[in-house]
Amino acid sequence: MSPRIALLSLGGLAALLASIAVAVTIGPADISTADVWTSVAAHLGLGDSGLPPLRDGIVWDLRMPRTLLAAVCGAGLAVCGAVMQSLLRNPLADPFVLGVSSGASTGAVAVVVLGVGGGAVSLSSGAFLGALLSFGLVLLLSHVLGGSTDRVVLSGVAAMQLFSALTSFVVLTSADAETTRGVLFWLLGSLTGADWGQVALCAAVLAVVLAVCLGHARTLDAFAFGAEAAAGLGVHVARTRLILLSVTALLTAVLVSCAGAIGFVGLVLPHATRALAGPGHARLLPVTALTGAVFLVWVDTAARTVLDPQEVPVGVVTSLIGVPAFVAVLYRGRSKA
């Protein structure tokens, strides 16, 4: 690892820890960073916090899980975006290009509005199953259509439109006003109600997927020159593409099932990180993960405090930031063309 990348990684990790500590203190309750570290240390068995139960509960049960889930979701979506852009050789690819988000939305709506599962299936479980169904459809369509990169993207677009239409149809025909409002808030991305179980699940899947992607870092570098060039370098293109598409879709499905559809994180941040870390994926992926984590921690903090006591969906804030960046990417591509 070069000194520059080591410095970026250490700086990113320090920024992430500081961001988490400060973000937890922001809100209506008067919490200090000392309270945060004391509470965390006490719950890790490193002494007694000495905090009142209410204040300790705010830190450990409410704000800390939400902040950590924001960090994990930001890291995961950013990593998936970086992998998808290289794998599909499309600078506008993001984790939702495979229709996973739309499938998750349909699954969530089916559970909440239609009552699918009879109460035995939670919203998160329904969203996860819907995401897997959508990804399975994309794999089937792309295989039937030839399996090339552009066919994968087009299959993802088709699946996205199909499941978006199904979601809209169910909401418009079956949901009352209150249910529609709740579903819409989740569809726009929300970390409200985050708990330690979701943090553990998302973090575990992120760790596994990041390890798999790092193991294929050189292969991703080869894909930057195209599938034919990668095959000429000894890469098993079809198998590698299936593995990486599957693990990124799995991670996206888990994140969306817990936090809803938080857009533009996986589109914008990989481009910004490449300017710092370079195109090599062994360097790019860890730095991208840290950048995404820090970014979404602060976006979520803004979303829950800017209009306090009203909360803004996280996806709305990321879109407000992401749309100008999206336009900039398009303009950059036009300039190069």
C-alpha atoms as a PDB file:
ATOM      1  CA  MET A   1       0.000   0.000   0.000  1.00  0.00           C
ATOM      2  CA  SER A   2       1.397   3.371  -1.020  1.00  0.00           C
ATOM      3  CA  PRO A   3       1.890   6.077   1.614  1.00  0.00           C
ATOM      4  CA  ARG A   4      -0.781   8.184  -0.057  1.00  0.00           C
ATOM      5  CA  ILE A   5      -3.422   5.444   0.120  1.00  0.00           C
ATOM      6  CA  ALA A   6      -2.420   4.587   3.697  1.00  0.00           C
ATOM      7  CA  LEU A   7      -2.826   8.238   4.614  1.00  0.00           C
ATOM      8  CA  LEU A   8      -6.204   8.429   2.872  1.00  0.00           C
ATOM      9  CA  SER A   9      -7.405   5.259   4.616  1.00  0.00           C
ATOM     10  CA  LEU A  10      -6.256   6.365   8.055  1.00  0.00           C
ATOM     11  CA  GLY A  11      -7.672   9.831   7.512  1.00  0.00           C
ATOM     12  CA  GLY A  12     -10.965   8.371   6.331  1.00  0.00           C
ATOM     13  CA  LEU A  13     -11.186   6.056   9.324  1.00  0.00           C
ATOM     14  CA  ALA A  14     -10.454   8.911  11.736  1.00  0.00           C
ATOM     15  CA  ALA A  15     -13.043  11.088   9.985  1.00  0.00           C
ATOM     16  CA  LEU A  16     -15.601   8.282  10.224  1.00  0.00           C
ATOM     17  CA  LEU A  17     -15.064   7.731  13.966  1.00  0.00           C
ATOM     18  CA  ALA A  18     -15.206  11.479  14.635  1.00  0.00           C
ATOM     19  CA  SER A  19     -18.310  11.855  12.464  1.00  0.00           C
ATOM     20  CA  ILE A  20     -20.132   9.066  14.303  1.00  0.00           C
ATOM     21  CA  ALA A  21     -19.222  10.503  17.705  1.00  0.00           C
ATOM     22  CA  VAL A  22     -20.348  14.017  16.772  1.00  0.00           C
ATOM     23  CA  ALA A  23     -23.468  12.959  14.825  1.00  0.00           C
ATOM     24  CA  VAL A  24     -24.803  11.039  17.834  1.00  0.00           C
ATOM     25  CA  THR A  25     -24.658  14.234  19.914  1.00  0.00           C
ATOM     26  CA  ILE A  26     -26.781  16.237  17.457  1.00  0.00           C
ATOM     27  CA  GLY A  27     -30.470  16.364  18.262  1.00  0.00           C
ATOM     28  CA  PRO A  28     -33.025  17.712  20.734  1.00  0.00           C
ATOM     29  CA  ALA A  29     -31.458  15.980  23.751  1.00  0.00           C
ATOM     30  CA  ASP A  30     -28.319  17.563  25.183  1.00  0.00           C
ATOM     31  CA  ILE A  31     -25.675  14.862  24.590  1.00  0.00           C
ATOM     32  CA  SER A  32     -21.913  15.444  24.611  1.00  0.00           C
ATOM     33  CA  THR A  33     -19.211  13.432  22.866  1.00  0.00           C
ATOM     34  CA  ALA A  34     -17.973  12.409  26.328  1.00  0.00           C
ATOM     35  CA  ASP A  35     -21.424  10.939  27.005  1.00  0.00           C
ATOM     36  CA  VAL A  36     -21.215   9.007  23.753  1.00  0.00           C
ATOM     37  CA  TRP A  37     -17.827   7.444  24.476  1.00  0.00           C
ATOM     38  CA  THR A  38     -18.810   6.722  28.095  1.00  0.00           C
ATOM     39  CA  SER A  39     -22.016   4.979  27.044  1.00  0.00           C
ATOM     40  CA  VAL A  40     -20.287   2.928  24.351  1.00  0.00           C
ATOM     41  CA  ALA A  41     -17.500   1.897  26.736  1.00  0.00           C
ATOM     42  CA  ALA A  42     -20.022   0.858  29.389  1.00  0.00           C
ATOM     43  CA  HIS A  43     -21.993  -1.313  26.948  1.00  0.00           C
ATOM     44  CA  LEU A  44     -18.753  -2.920  25.823  1.00  0.00           C
ATOM     45  CA  GLY A  45     -18.028  -3.889  29.424  1.00  0.00           C
ATOM     46  CA  LEU A  46     -15.389  -1.241  30.058  1.00  0.00           C
ATOM     47  CA  GLY A  47     -16.879   0.252  33.207  1.00  0.00           C
ATOM     48  CA  ASP A  48     -20.011   2.066  34.324  1.00  0.00           C
ATOM     49  CA  SER A  49     -21.274   4.966  32.218  1.00  0.00           C
ATOM     50  CA  GLY A  50     -22.756   6.855  35.142  1.00  0.00           C
ATOM     51  CA  LEU A  51     -25.337   8.352  32.752  1.00  0.00           C
ATOM     52  CA  PRO A  52     -29.037   8.543  33.603  1.00  0.00           C
ATOM     53  CA  PRO A  53     -30.939   5.634  31.995  1.00  0.00           C
ATOM     54  CA  LEU A  54     -32.851   7.979  29.676  1.00  0.00           C
ATOM     55  CA  ARG A  55     -29.708   9.641  28.326  1.00  0.00           C
ATOM     56  CA  ASP A  56     -27.907   6.296  28.006  1.00  0.00           C
ATOM     57  CA  GLY A  57     -30.901   4.920  26.104  1.00  0.00           C
ATOM     58  CA  ILE A  58     -30.884   7.860  23.702  1.00  0.00           C
ATOM     59  CA  VAL A  59     -27.231   7.248  22.908  1.00  0.00           C
ATOM     60  CA  TRP A  60     -27.137   3.447  22.780  1.00  0.00           C
ATOM     61  CA  ASP A  61     -30.644   2.447  21.688  1.00  0.00           C
ATOM     62  CA  LEU A  62     -31.684   5.323  19.414  1.00  0.00           C
ATOM     63  CA  ARG A  63     -28.908   7.385  17.911  1.00  0.00           C
ATOM     64  CA  MET A  64     -25.955   4.998  17.808  1.00  0.00           C
ATOM     65  CA  PRO A  65     -27.707   2.202  15.834  1.00  0.00           C
ATOM     66  CA  ARG A  66     -29.093   4.738  13.392  1.00  0.00           C
ATOM     67  CA  THR A  67     -25.748   6.446  12.875  1.00  0.00           C
ATOM     68  CA  LEU A  68     -23.898   3.146  12.436  1.00  0.00           C
ATOM     69  CA  LEU A  69     -26.536   1.878  10.012  1.00  0.00           C
ATOM     70  CA  ALA A  70     -26.101   5.098   8.008  1.00  0.00           C
ATOM     71  CA  ALA A  71     -22.340   4.470   7.893  1.00  0.00           C
ATOM     72  CA  VAL A  72     -22.766   0.846   6.805  1.00  0.00           C
ATOM     73  CA  CYS A  73     -25.367   1.732   4.155  1.00  0.00           C
ATOM     74  CA  GLY A  74     -23.209   4.550   2.801  1.00  0.00           C
ATOM     75  CA  ALA A  75     -20.159   2.306   2.604  1.00  0.00           C
ATOM     76  CA  GLY A  76     -22.077  -0.557   1.008  1.00  0.00           C
ATOM     77  CA  LEU A  77     -23.864   1.514  -1.614  1.00  0.00           C
ATOM     78  CA  ALA A  78     -20.661   3.337  -2.560  1.00  0.00           C
ATOM     79  CA  VAL A  79     -18.728   0.067  -2.939  1.00  0.00           C
ATOM     80  CA  CYS A  80     -21.507  -1.487  -5.021  1.00  0.00           C
ATOM     81  CA  GLY A  81     -21.546   1.579  -7.250  1.00  0.00           C
ATOM     82  CA  ALA A  82     -17.788   1.424  -7.813  1.00  0.00           C
ATOM     83  CA  VAL A  83     -17.964  -2.274  -8.696  1.00  0.00           C
ATOM     84  CA  MET A  84     -20.965  -1.845 -11.003  1.00  0.00           C
ATOM     85  CA  GLN A  85     -19.386   1.050 -12.892  1.00  0.00           C
ATOM     86  CA  SER A  86     -16.254  -0.970 -13.578  1.00  0.00           C
ATOM     87  CA  LEU A  87     -18.008  -4.248 -14.262  1.00  0.00           C
ATOM     88  CA  LEU A  88     -20.516  -2.734 -16.682  1.00  0.00           C
ATOM     89  CA  ARG A  89     -18.095  -0.093 -18.018  1.00  0.00           C
ATOM     90  CA  ASN A  90     -20.786   2.512 -17.481  1.00  0.00           C
ATOM     91  CA  PRO A  91     -19.991   5.673 -15.500  1.00  0.00           C
ATOM     92  CA  LEU A  92     -23.700   6.150 -14.777  1.00  0.00           C
ATOM     93  CA  ALA A  93     -24.220   2.684 -13.273  1.00  0.00           C
ATOM     94  CA  ASP A  94     -25.228   2.482  -9.626  1.00  0.00           C
ATOM     95  CA  PRO A  95     -26.346  -0.283  -7.223  1.00  0.00           C
ATOM     96  CA  PHE A  96     -29.946   0.033  -8.410  1.00  0.00           C
ATOM     97  CA  VAL A  97     -29.211  -0.536 -12.106  1.00  0.00           C
ATOM     98  CA  LEU A  98     -30.215  -4.201 -11.687  1.00  0.00           C
ATOM     99  CA  GLY A  99     -33.731  -3.277 -10.565  1.00  0.00           C
ATOM    100  CA  VAL A 100     -33.051  -4.388  -6.996  1.00  0.00           C
ATOM    101  CA  SER A 101     -34.498  -1.227  -5.466  1.00  0.00           C
ATOM    102  CA  SER A 102     -37.733  -1.445  -7.456  1.00  0.00           C
ATOM    103  CA  GLY A 103     -38.137  -5.104  -6.584  1.00  0.00           C
ATOM    104  CA  ALA A 104     -37.598  -4.332  -2.917  1.00  0.00           C
ATOM    105  CA  SER A 105     -40.206  -1.586  -3.082  1.00  0.00           C
ATOM    106  CA  THR A 106     -42.745  -3.976  -4.577  1.00  0.00           C
ATOM    107  CA  GLY A 107     -42.009  -6.581  -1.909  1.00  0.00           C
ATOM    108  CA  ALA A 108     -42.377  -4.028   0.878  1.00  0.00           C
ATOM    109  CA  VAL A 109     -45.643  -2.691  -0.522  1.00  0.00           C
ATOM    110  CA  ALA A 110     -47.007  -6.219  -0.949  1.00  0.00           C
ATOM    111  CA  VAL A 111     -46.419  -6.875   2.752  1.00  0.00           C
ATOM    112  CA  VAL A 112     -47.623  -3.522   4.118  1.00  0.00           C
ATOM    113  CA  VAL A 113     -50.550  -2.838   1.793  1.00  0.00           C
ATOM    114  CA  LEU A 114     -51.725  -6.264   0.636  1.00  0.00           C
ATOM    115  CA  GLY A 115     -50.846  -8.130   3.812  1.00  0.00           C
ATOM    116  CA  VAL A 116     -48.830 -10.793   2.003  1.00  0.00           C
ATOM    117  CA  GLY A 117     -47.477 -13.275   4.515  1.00  0.00           C
ATOM    118  CA  GLY A 118     -50.372 -12.842   6.917  1.00  0.00           C
ATOM    119  CA  GLY A 119     -48.251 -10.951   9.445  1.00  0.00           C
ATOM    120  CA  ALA A 120     -45.499 -13.570   9.452  1.00  0.00           C
ATOM    121  CA  VAL A 121     -43.374 -11.599   6.989  1.00  0.00           C
ATOM    122  CA  SER A 122     -41.925  -8.229   8.035  1.00  0.00           C
ATOM    123  CA  LEU A 123     -41.500  -5.222   5.764  1.00  0.00           C
ATOM    124  CA  SER A 124     -37.739  -5.810   5.620  1.00  0.00           C
ATOM    125  CA  SER A 125     -38.189  -9.479   4.732  1.00  0.00           C
ATOM    126  CA  GLY A 126     -40.701  -8.631   2.019  1.00  0.00           C
ATOM    127  CA  ALA A 127     -38.349  -6.014   0.581  1.00  0.00           C
ATOM    128  CA  PHE A 128     -35.454  -8.478   0.572  1.00  0.00           C
ATOM    129  CA  LEU A 129     -37.482 -11.174  -1.188  1.00  0.00           C
ATOM    130  CA  GLY A 130     -38.727  -8.650  -3.741  1.00  0.00           C
ATOM    131  CA  ALA A 131     -35.169  -7.514  -4.416  1.00  0.00           C
ATOM    132  CA  LEU A 132     -34.014 -11.104  -4.993  1.00  0.00           C
ATOM    133  CA  LEU A 133     -36.972 -11.734  -7.309  1.00  0.00           C
ATOM    134  CA  SER A 134     -36.088  -8.672  -9.361  1.00  0.00           C
ATOM    135  CA  PHE A 135     -32.426  -9.666  -9.592  1.00  0.00           C
ATOM    136  CA  GLY A 136     -33.408 -13.188 -10.652  1.00  0.00           C
ATOM    137  CA  LEU A 137     -35.561 -11.707 -13.416  1.00  0.00           C
ATOM    138  CA  VAL A 138     -32.653  -9.533 -14.593  1.00  0.00           C
ATOM    139  CA  LEU A 139     -30.310 -12.534 -14.714  1.00  0.00           C
ATOM    140  CA  LEU A 140     -32.871 -14.529 -16.685  1.00  0.00           C
ATOM    141  CA  LEU A 141     -33.555 -11.745 -19.170  1.00  0.00           C
ATOM    142  CA  SER A 142     -29.897 -10.891 -19.710  1.00  0.00           C
ATOM    143  CA  HIS A 143     -29.060 -14.575 -20.249  1.00  0.00           C
ATOM    144  CA  VAL A 144     -31.861 -15.001 -22.790  1.00  0.00           C
ATOM    145  CA  LEU A 145     -30.795 -11.807 -24.569  1.00  0.00           C
ATOM    146  CA  GLY A 146     -27.159 -12.847 -24.836  1.00  0.00           C
ATOM    147  CA  GLY A 147     -25.543 -11.934 -21.522  1.00  0.00           C
ATOM    148  CA  SER A 148     -23.495  -8.973 -22.755  1.00  0.00           C
ATOM    149  CA  THR A 149     -22.936  -5.883 -20.630  1.00  0.00           C
ATOM    150  CA  ASP A 150     -25.481  -3.740 -22.453  1.00  0.00           C
ATOM    151  CA  ARG A 151     -28.051  -6.533 -22.182  1.00  0.00           C
ATOM    152  CA  VAL A 152     -27.559  -6.650 -18.425  1.00  0.00           C
ATOM    153  CA  VAL A 153     -28.173  -2.904 -18.170  1.00  0.00           C
ATOM    154  CA  LEU A 154     -31.229  -3.038 -20.436  1.00  0.00           C
ATOM    155  CA  SER A 155     -32.630  -5.993 -18.499  1.00  0.00           C
ATOM    156  CA  GLY A 156     -32.165  -4.009 -15.298  1.00  0.00           C
ATOM    157  CA  VAL A 157     -34.031  -1.060 -16.776  1.00  0.00           C
ATOM    158  CA  ALA A 158     -36.883  -3.341 -17.871  1.00  0.00           C
ATOM    159  CA  ALA A 159     -37.130  -4.926 -14.414  1.00  0.00           C
ATOM    160  CA  MET A 160     -36.982  -1.506 -12.761  1.00  0.00           C
ATOM    161  CA  GLN A 161     -39.896  -0.219 -14.829  1.00  0.00           C
ATOM    162  CA  LEU A 162     -41.933  -3.373 -14.286  1.00  0.00           C
ATOM    163  CA  PHE A 163     -41.624  -3.402 -10.505  1.00  0.00           C
ATOM    164  CA  SER A 164     -42.068   0.370 -10.253  1.00  0.00           C
ATOM    165  CA  ALA A 165     -45.336   0.027 -12.149  1.00  0.00           C
ATOM    166  CA  LEU A 166     -46.462  -2.812  -9.873  1.00  0.00           C
ATOM    167  CA  THR A 167     -45.623  -0.756  -6.780  1.00  0.00           C
ATOM    168  CA  SER A 168     -47.563   2.252  -8.054  1.00  0.00           C
ATOM    169  CA  PHE A 169     -50.534   0.103  -9.012  1.00  0.00           C
ATOM    170  CA  VAL A 170     -50.760  -1.548  -5.581  1.00  0.00           C
ATOM    171  CA  VAL A 171     -50.403   1.744  -3.699  1.00  0.00           C
ATOM    172  CA  LEU A 172     -52.973   3.566  -5.841  1.00  0.00           C
ATOM    173  CA  THR A 173     -55.594   0.823  -5.762  1.00  0.00           C
ATOM    174  CA  SER A 174     -55.237  -0.708  -2.309  1.00  0.00           C
ATOM    175  CA  ALA A 175     -53.620   1.699   0.168  1.00  0.00           C
ATOM    176  CA  ASP A 176     -55.343   4.291   2.353  1.00  0.00           C
ATOM    177  CA  ALA A 177     -53.865   7.750   2.909  1.00  0.00           C
ATOM    178  CA  GLU A 178     -52.017   6.870   6.117  1.00  0.00           C
ATOM    179  CA  THR A 179     -50.523   3.684   4.698  1.00  0.00           C
ATOM    180  CA  THR A 180     -49.523   5.499   1.513  1.00  0.00           C
ATOM    181  CA  ARG A 181     -47.688   8.154   3.527  1.00  0.00           C
ATOM    182  CA  GLY A 182     -45.788   5.534   5.539  1.00  0.00           C
ATOM    183  CA  VAL A 183     -44.863   3.510   2.461  1.00  0.00           C
ATOM    184  CA  LEU A 184     -43.761   6.605   0.544  1.00  0.00           C
ATOM    185  CA  PHE A 185     -41.497   7.691   3.404  1.00  0.00           C
ATOM    186  CA  TRP A 186     -39.818   4.269   3.402  1.00  0.00           C
ATOM    187  CA  LEU A 187     -39.541   4.169  -0.395  1.00  0.00           C
ATOM    188  CA  LEU A 188     -37.657   7.472  -0.321  1.00  0.00           C
ATOM    189  CA  GLY A 189     -35.104   6.051   2.113  1.00  0.00           C
ATOM    190  CA  SER A 190     -35.349   6.211   5.867  1.00  0.00           C
ATOM    191  CA  LEU A 191     -33.160   5.099   8.759  1.00  0.00           C
ATOM    192  CA  THR A 192     -35.913   5.647  11.316  1.00  0.00           C
ATOM    193  CA  GLY A 193     -36.314   2.632  13.567  1.00  0.00           C
ATOM    194  CA  ALA A 194     -32.795   1.312  13.003  1.00  0.00           C
ATOM    195  CA  ASP A 195     -31.790  -1.303  15.552  1.00  0.00           C
ATOM    196  CA  TRP A 196     -28.700  -3.281  16.451  1.00  0.00           C
ATOM    197  CA  GLY A 197     -29.935  -6.372  14.609  1.00  0.00           C
ATOM    198  CA  GLN A 198     -30.071  -4.458  11.336  1.00  0.00           C
ATOM    199  CA  VAL A 199     -26.641  -2.958  11.985  1.00  0.00           C
ATOM    200  CA  ALA A 200     -25.125  -6.396  12.616  1.00  0.00           C
ATOM    201  CA  LEU A 201     -26.781  -7.945   9.550  1.00  0.00           C
ATOM    202  CA  CYS A 202     -25.794  -5.153   7.159  1.00  0.00           C
ATOM    203  CA  ALA A 203     -22.249  -4.927   8.554  1.00  0.00           C
ATOM    204  CA  ALA A 204     -21.716  -8.696   8.246  1.00  0.00           C
ATOM    205  CA  VAL A 205     -22.921  -8.784   4.629  1.00  0.00           C
ATOM    206  CA  LEU A 206     -20.845  -5.686   3.812  1.00  0.00           C
ATOM    207  CA  ALA A 207     -17.706  -7.302   5.246  1.00  0.00           C
ATOM    208  CA  VAL A 208     -18.210 -10.475   3.189  1.00  0.00           C
ATOM    209  CA  VAL A 209     -19.024  -8.631  -0.041  1.00  0.00           C
ATOM    210  CA  LEU A 210     -16.135  -6.187   0.381  1.00  0.00           C
ATOM    211  CA  ALA A 211     -13.761  -9.118   0.914  1.00  0.00           C
ATOM    212  CA  VAL A 212     -15.046 -10.816  -2.251  1.00  0.00           C
ATOM    213  CA  CYS A 213     -14.707  -7.607  -4.282  1.00  0.00           C
ATOM    214  CA  LEU A 214     -11.205  -6.945  -2.969  1.00  0.00           C
ATOM    215  CA  GLY A 215     -10.311 -10.519  -3.916  1.00  0.00           C
ATOM    216  CA  HIS A 216     -11.388  -9.656  -7.465  1.00  0.00           C
ATOM    217  CA  ALA A 217      -9.666  -6.246  -7.503  1.00  0.00           C
ATOM    218  CA  ARG A 218      -7.225  -7.126 -10.296  1.00  0.00           C
ATOM    219  CA  THR A 219     -10.047  -8.667 -12.284  1.00  0.00           C
ATOM    220  CA  LEU A 220     -12.054  -5.444 -11.964  1.00  0.00           C
ATOM    221  CA  ASP A 221      -8.999  -3.548 -13.173  1.00  0.00           C
ATOM    222  CA  ALA A 222      -8.957  -5.807 -16.238  1.00  0.00           C
ATOM    223  CA  PHE A 223     -12.668  -5.187 -16.888  1.00  0.00           C
ATOM    224  CA  ALA A 224     -11.857  -1.493 -17.261  1.00  0.00           C
ATOM    225  CA  PHE A 225     -10.384  -2.389 -20.666  1.00  0.00           C
ATOM    226  CA  GLY A 226     -13.454  -4.368 -21.732  1.00  0.00           C
ATOM    227  CA  ALA A 227     -14.628  -7.957 -21.519  1.00  0.00           C
ATOM    228  CA  GLU A 228     -12.535  -9.092 -24.479  1.00  0.00           C
ATOM    229  CA  ALA A 229      -9.366  -7.609 -23.027  1.00  0.00           C
ATOM    230  CA  ALA A 230     -10.149  -9.185 -19.652  1.00  0.00           C
ATOM    231  CA  ALA A 231     -10.660 -12.572 -21.326  1.00  0.00           C
ATOM    232  CA  GLY A 232      -7.334 -12.134 -23.106  1.00  0.00           C
ATOM    233  CA  LEU A 233      -5.697 -11.647 -19.693  1.00  0.00           C
ATOM    234  CA  GLY A 234      -7.079 -14.975 -18.484  1.00  0.00           C
ATOM    235  CA  VAL A 235     -10.233 -13.765 -16.752  1.00  0.00           C
ATOM    236  CA  HIS A 236     -13.269 -16.050 -16.874  1.00  0.00           C
ATOM    237  CA  VAL A 237     -15.601 -13.221 -17.873  1.00  0.00           C
ATOM    238  CA  ALA A 238     -19.023 -14.861 -17.503  1.00  0.00           C
ATOM    239  CA  ARG A 239     -18.268 -16.493 -14.167  1.00  0.00           C
ATOM    240  CA  THR A 240     -16.623 -13.396 -12.690  1.00  0.00           C
ATOM    241  CA  ARG A 241     -19.424 -11.146 -13.859  1.00  0.00           C
ATOM    242  CA  LEU A 242     -22.030 -13.478 -12.322  1.00  0.00           C
ATOM    243  CA  ILE A 243     -20.183 -13.621  -8.988  1.00  0.00           C
ATOM    244  CA  LEU A 244     -19.716  -9.870  -8.697  1.00  0.00           C
ATOM    245  CA  LEU A 245     -23.213  -9.018  -9.895  1.00  0.00           C
ATOM    246  CA  SER A 246     -24.652 -11.507  -7.413  1.00  0.00           C
ATOM    247  CA  VAL A 247     -22.732 -10.286  -4.367  1.00  0.00           C
ATOM    248  CA  THR A 248     -23.380  -6.607  -5.113  1.00  0.00           C
ATOM    249  CA  ALA A 249     -27.080  -7.347  -5.693  1.00  0.00           C
ATOM    250  CA  LEU A 250     -27.188  -9.280  -2.408  1.00  0.00           C
ATOM    251  CA  LEU A 251     -25.626  -6.408  -0.488  1.00  0.00           C
ATOM    252  CA  THR A 252     -27.910  -3.861  -2.146  1.00  0.00           C
ATOM    253  CA  ALA A 253     -30.952  -6.013  -1.338  1.00  0.00           C
ATOM    254  CA  VAL A 254     -29.984  -6.243   2.344  1.00  0.00           C
ATOM    255  CA  LEU A 255     -29.322  -2.500   2.598  1.00  0.00           C
ATOM    256  CA  VAL A 256     -32.533  -1.531   0.818  1.00  0.00           C
ATOM    257  CA  SER A 257     -34.575  -3.918   2.968  1.00  0.00           C
ATOM    258  CA  CYS A 258     -33.315  -2.122   6.090  1.00  0.00           C
ATOM    259  CA  ALA A 259     -33.113   1.495   4.921  1.00  0.00           C
ATOM    260  CA  GLY A 260     -35.220   1.849   1.787  1.00  0.00           C
ATOM    261  CA  ALA A 261     -33.988   3.218  -1.517  1.00  0.00           C
ATOM    262  CA  ILE A 262     -31.231   5.760  -0.887  1.00  0.00           C
ATOM    263  CA  GLY A 263     -30.231   6.907  -4.336  1.00  0.00           C
ATOM    264  CA  PHE A 264     -27.179   8.569  -5.868  1.00  0.00           C
ATOM    265  CA  VAL A 265     -24.697   7.437  -3.184  1.00  0.00           C
ATOM    266  CA  GLY A 266     -23.428   4.654  -5.425  1.00  0.00           C
ATOM    267  CA  LEU A 267     -23.391   6.928  -8.467  1.00  0.00           C
ATOM    268  CA  VAL A 268     -21.633  10.019  -7.182  1.00  0.00           C
ATOM    269  CA  LEU A 269     -19.086   8.886  -4.594  1.00  0.00           C
ATOM    270  CA  PRO A 270     -17.101   6.381  -6.713  1.00  0.00           C
ATOM    271  CA  HIS A 271     -16.322   9.169  -9.190  1.00  0.00           C
ATOM    272  CA  ALA A 272     -15.235  11.510  -6.418  1.00  0.00           C
ATOM    273  CA  THR A 273     -13.075   8.828  -4.814  1.00  0.00           C
ATOM    274  CA  ARG A 274     -11.331   7.896  -8.072  1.00  0.00           C
ATOM    275  CA  ALA A 275      -9.958  11.426  -8.195  1.00  0.00           C
ATOM    276  CA  LEU A 276      -8.312  10.817  -4.807  1.00  0.00           C
ATOM    277  CA  ALA A 277      -7.323   7.149  -4.853  1.00  0.00           C
ATOM    278  CA  GLY A 278      -6.911   6.429  -8.556  1.00  0.00           C
ATOM    279  CA  PRO A 279      -8.588   3.706 -10.632  1.00  0.00           C
ATOM    280  CA  GLY A 280      -6.931   0.641  -9.042  1.00  0.00           C
ATOM    281  CA  HIS A 281      -9.651  -1.245  -7.171  1.00  0.00           C
ATOM    282  CA  ALA A 282      -7.393  -2.544  -4.405  1.00  0.00           C
ATOM    283  CA  ARG A 283      -7.014   1.113  -3.398  1.00  0.00           C
ATOM    284  CA  LEU A 284     -10.332   2.433  -4.642  1.00  0.00           C
ATOM    285  CA  LEU A 285     -12.748   0.124  -2.808  1.00  0.00           C
ATOM    286  CA  PRO A 286     -11.592   0.727   0.820  1.00  0.00           C
ATOM    287  CA  VAL A 287     -11.381   4.493   0.311  1.00  0.00           C
ATOM    288  CA  THR A 288     -14.791   4.502  -1.398  1.00  0.00           C
ATOM    289  CA  ALA A 289     -16.299   2.598   1.530  1.00  0.00           C
ATOM    290  CA  LEU A 290     -14.959   5.116   4.054  1.00  0.00           C
ATOM    291  CA  THR A 291     -16.079   8.069   1.928  1.00  0.00           C
ATOM    292  CA  GLY A 292     -19.567   6.638   1.550  1.00  0.00           C
ATOM    293  CA  ALA A 293     -19.826   5.962   5.279  1.00  0.00           C
ATOM    294  CA  VAL A 294     -18.831   9.495   6.278  1.00  0.00           C
ATOM    295  CA  PHE A 295     -21.078  11.013   3.618  1.00  0.00           C
ATOM    296  CA  LEU A 296     -24.249   9.190   4.634  1.00  0.00           C
ATOM    297  CA  VAL A 297     -23.664   9.761   8.361  1.00  0.00           C
ATOM    298  CA  TRP A 298     -23.818  13.510   7.772  1.00  0.00           C
ATOM    299  CA  VAL A 299     -26.641  13.295   5.233  1.00  0.00           C
ATOM    300  CA  ASP A 300     -28.763  11.363   7.737  1.00  0.00           C
ATOM    301  CA  THR A 301     -27.878  13.840  10.472  1.00  0.00           C
ATOM    302  CA  ALA A 302     -29.077  16.677   8.245  1.00  0.00           C
ATOM    303  CA  ALA A 303     -32.205  14.756   7.262  1.00  0.00           C
ATOM    304  CA  ARG A 304     -33.331  14.320  10.877  1.00  0.00           C
ATOM    305  CA  THR A 305     -32.415  17.782  12.162  1.00  0.00           C
ATOM    306  CA  VAL A 306     -32.799  20.409   9.410  1.00  0.00           C
ATOM    307  CA  LEU A 307     -36.613  20.550   9.693  1.00  0.00           C
ATOM    308  CA  ASP A 308     -36.819  19.309  13.281  1.00  0.00           C
ATOM    309  CA  PRO A 309     -39.210  18.015  14.555  1.00  0.00           C
ATOM    310  CA  GLN A 310     -40.179  16.909  11.041  1.00  0.00           C
ATOM    311  CA  GLU A 311     -37.829  14.416   9.406  1.00  0.00           C
ATOM    312  CA  VAL A 312     -36.829  14.462   5.742  1.00  0.00           C
ATOM    313  CA  PRO A 313     -36.323  11.103   3.989  1.00  0.00           C
ATOM    314  CA  VAL A 314     -32.625  10.424   3.511  1.00  0.00           C
ATOM    315  CA  GLY A 315     -33.124   9.625  -0.152  1.00  0.00           C
ATOM    316  CA  VAL A 316     -34.498  13.109  -0.759  1.00  0.00           C
ATOM    317  CA  VAL A 317     -31.336  14.722   0.617  1.00  0.00           C
ATOM    318  CA  THR A 318     -29.002  12.428  -1.331  1.00  0.00           C
ATOM    319  CA  SER A 319     -30.969  13.131  -4.514  1.00  0.00           C
ATOM    320  CA  LEU A 320     -30.711  16.883  -3.987  1.00  0.00           C
ATOM    321  CA  ILE A 321     -26.950  16.425  -3.828  1.00  0.00           C
ATOM    322  CA  GLY A 322     -26.762  13.697  -6.442  1.00  0.00           C
ATOM    323  CA  VAL A 323     -28.710  15.304  -9.272  1.00  0.00           C
ATOM    324  CA  PRO A 324     -26.175  18.107  -9.861  1.00  0.00           C
ATOM    325  CA  ALA A 325     -23.392  15.513  -9.655  1.00  0.00           C
ATOM    326  CA  PHE A 326     -25.269  13.333 -12.148  1.00  0.00           C
ATOM    327  CA  VAL A 327     -25.457  16.260 -14.570  1.00  0.00           C
ATOM    328  CA  ALA A 328     -21.739  16.893 -14.071  1.00  0.00           C
ATOM    329  CA  VAL A 329     -20.953  13.260 -14.978  1.00  0.00           C
ATOM    330  CA  LEU A 330     -23.048  13.577 -18.129  1.00  0.00           C
ATOM    331  CA  TYR A 331     -21.299  16.816 -19.075  1.00  0.00           C
ATOM    332  CA  ARG A 332     -17.898  15.287 -18.429  1.00  0.00           C
ATOM    333  CA  GLY A 333     -18.754  12.356 -20.691  1.00  0.00           C
ATOM    334  CA  ARG A 334     -19.969  14.754 -23.369  1.00  0.00           C
ATOM    335  CA  SER A 335     -16.721  16.726 -23.167  1.00  0.00           C
ATOM    336  CA  LYS A 336     -14.629  13.561 -23.566  1.00  0.00           C
ATOM    337  CA  ALA A 337     -16.764  12.420 -26.492  1.00  0.00           C
END
